[in-house]
C-alpha atoms as a PDB file:
ATOM      1  CA  MET A   1      -5.362 -11.990   1.529  1.00  0.00           C
ATOM      2  CA  ASP A   2      -7.451  -9.024  -0.020  1.00  0.00           C
ATOM      3  CA  ARG A   3      -8.392  -7.595   2.703  1.00  0.00           C
ATOM      4  CA  ILE A   4      -4.269  -7.447   3.636  1.00  0.00           C
ATOM      5  CA  ALA A   5      -3.632  -6.183   0.694  1.00  0.00           C
ATOM      6  CA  LEU A   6      -6.578  -3.884   0.649  1.00  0.00           C
ATOM      7  CA  ILE A   7      -5.508  -2.463   4.040  1.00  0.00           C
ATOM      8  CA  LEU A   8      -1.974  -1.529   2.514  1.00  0.00           C
ATOM      9  CA  VAL A   9      -3.101   0.006  -0.411  1.00  0.00           C
ATOM     10  CA  ILE A  10      -4.530   2.016   1.917  1.00  0.00           C
ATOM     11  CA  VAL A  11      -1.591   2.873   3.418  1.00  0.00           C
ATOM     12  CA  GLY A  12       0.022   3.314   0.825  1.00  0.00           C
ATOM     13  CA  ALA A  13      -2.192   5.615  -1.280  1.00  0.00           C
ATOM     14  CA  LEU A  14      -2.488   7.999   2.870  1.00  0.00           C
ATOM     15  CA  ASN A  15       0.998   8.470   2.606  1.00  0.00           C
ATOM     16  CA  TRP A  16       0.818   9.452  -0.958  1.00  0.00           C
ATOM     17  CA  LEU A  17      -1.946  12.079  -0.028  1.00  0.00           C
ATOM     18  CA  LEU A  18       0.307  13.362   2.908  1.00  0.00           C
ATOM     19  CA  VAL A  19       3.254  13.928   1.010  1.00  0.00           C
ATOM     20  CA  GLY A  20       1.782  15.211  -2.213  1.00  0.00           C
ATOM     21  CA  LEU A  21      -0.124  18.526   0.916  1.00  0.00           C
ATOM     22  CA  PHE A  22       2.329  18.347   3.129  1.00  0.00           C
ATOM     23  CA  SER A  23       5.293  16.947   1.282  1.00  0.00           C
ATOM     24  CA  PHE A  24       5.294  14.499   4.433  1.00  0.00           C
ATOM     25  CA  ASP A  25       6.782  10.841   4.815  1.00  0.00           C
ATOM     26  CA  LEU A  26       4.942   9.320   7.023  1.00  0.00           C
ATOM     27  CA  VAL A  27       6.436   5.638   6.507  1.00  0.00           C
ATOM     28  CA  ALA A  28       9.985   7.649   6.530  1.00  0.00           C
ATOM     29  CA  THR A  29       9.062   8.773   9.254  1.00  0.00           C
ATOM     30  CA  ILE A  30       7.760   5.919  11.198  1.00  0.00           C
ATOM     31  CA  PHE A  31      10.441   3.367  10.377  1.00  0.00           C
ATOM     32  CA  GLY A  32      13.491   5.586   9.823  1.00  0.00           C
ATOM     33  CA  GLY A  33      13.735   7.250   7.188  1.00  0.00           C
ATOM     34  CA  GLN A  34      13.091   6.154   3.270  1.00  0.00           C
ATOM     35  CA  GLN A  35      17.073   4.647   2.928  1.00  0.00           C
ATOM     36  CA  SER A  36      16.473   2.678   6.688  1.00  0.00           C
ATOM     37  CA  PHE A  37      15.310  -1.319   6.155  1.00  0.00           C
ATOM     38  CA  LEU A  38      12.226  -1.375   7.717  1.00  0.00           C
ATOM     39  CA  SER A  39      10.993   1.944   5.677  1.00  0.00           C
ATOM     40  CA  ARG A  40      12.078  -0.088   1.945  1.00  0.00           C
ATOM     41  CA  ILE A  41      10.217  -3.358   3.371  1.00  0.00           C
ATOM     42  CA  VAL A  42       6.702  -1.441   4.076  1.00  0.00           C
ATOM     43  CA  TYR A  43       6.684   0.854   0.978  1.00  0.00           C
ATOM     44  CA  SER A  44       7.983  -3.303  -0.727  1.00  0.00           C
ATOM     45  CA  LEU A  45       5.084  -4.498   0.895  1.00  0.00           C
ATOM     46  CA  VAL A  46       3.157  -0.904  -0.706  1.00  0.00           C
ATOM     47  CA  GLY A  47       3.627  -2.101  -4.162  1.00  0.00           C
ATOM     48  CA  LEU A  48       2.836  -6.009  -4.151  1.00  0.00           C
ATOM     49  CA  ALA A  49      -0.337  -5.449  -2.800  1.00  0.00           C
ATOM     50  CA  GLY A  50      -0.840  -2.833  -4.960  1.00  0.00           C
ATOM     51  CA  ILE A  51      -0.015  -5.743  -7.477  1.00  0.00           C
ATOM     52  CA  TYR A  52      -1.827  -8.284  -6.459  1.00  0.00           C
ATOM     53  CA  SER A  53      -4.947  -5.454  -6.240  1.00  0.00           C
ATOM     54  CA  MET A  54      -5.111  -5.575  -9.699  1.00  0.00           C
ATOM     55  CA  SER A  55      -6.115  -8.908 -10.083  1.00  0.00           C
ATOM     56  CA  LEU A  56      -9.701  -7.560  -8.378  1.00  0.00           C
ATOM     57  CA  LEU A  57     -10.010  -5.475 -11.752  1.00  0.00           C
ATOM     58  CA  PHE A  58     -10.247  -9.270 -13.844  1.00  0.00           C
ATOM     59  CA  ARG A  59     -11.915 -11.194 -11.065  1.00  0.00           C
ATOM     60  CA  ASP A  60     -15.175 -12.555 -12.039  1.00  0.00           C
ATOM     61  CA  ARG A  61     -18.061 -10.803  -9.762  1.00  0.00           C
ATOM     62  CA  SER A  62     -20.046 -13.427  -9.223  1.00  0.00           C
ATOM     63  CA  ARG A  63     -17.808 -15.557  -7.644  1.00  0.00           C
ATOM     64  CA  SER A  64     -15.896 -12.888  -5.643  1.00  0.00           C
ATOM     65  CA  GLN A  65     -19.360 -11.965  -3.633  1.00  0.00           C
ATOM     66  CA  GLN A  66     -19.715 -15.809  -2.139  1.00  0.00           C
END
């Protein structure tokens, strides 16, 4: 689950980088605009992955290294 969340967070970060530098929304381009159903699902999954990833900050490091 951690890897999936990390992948989605990276996708979101790269998408925001493209938006910031070039005003290009890759997710909207691939899935048909910001208001399309598929784009909204991707944006929601990225957001949920970001929330889930916050738990990584509070985990016991010795437990996560096993």
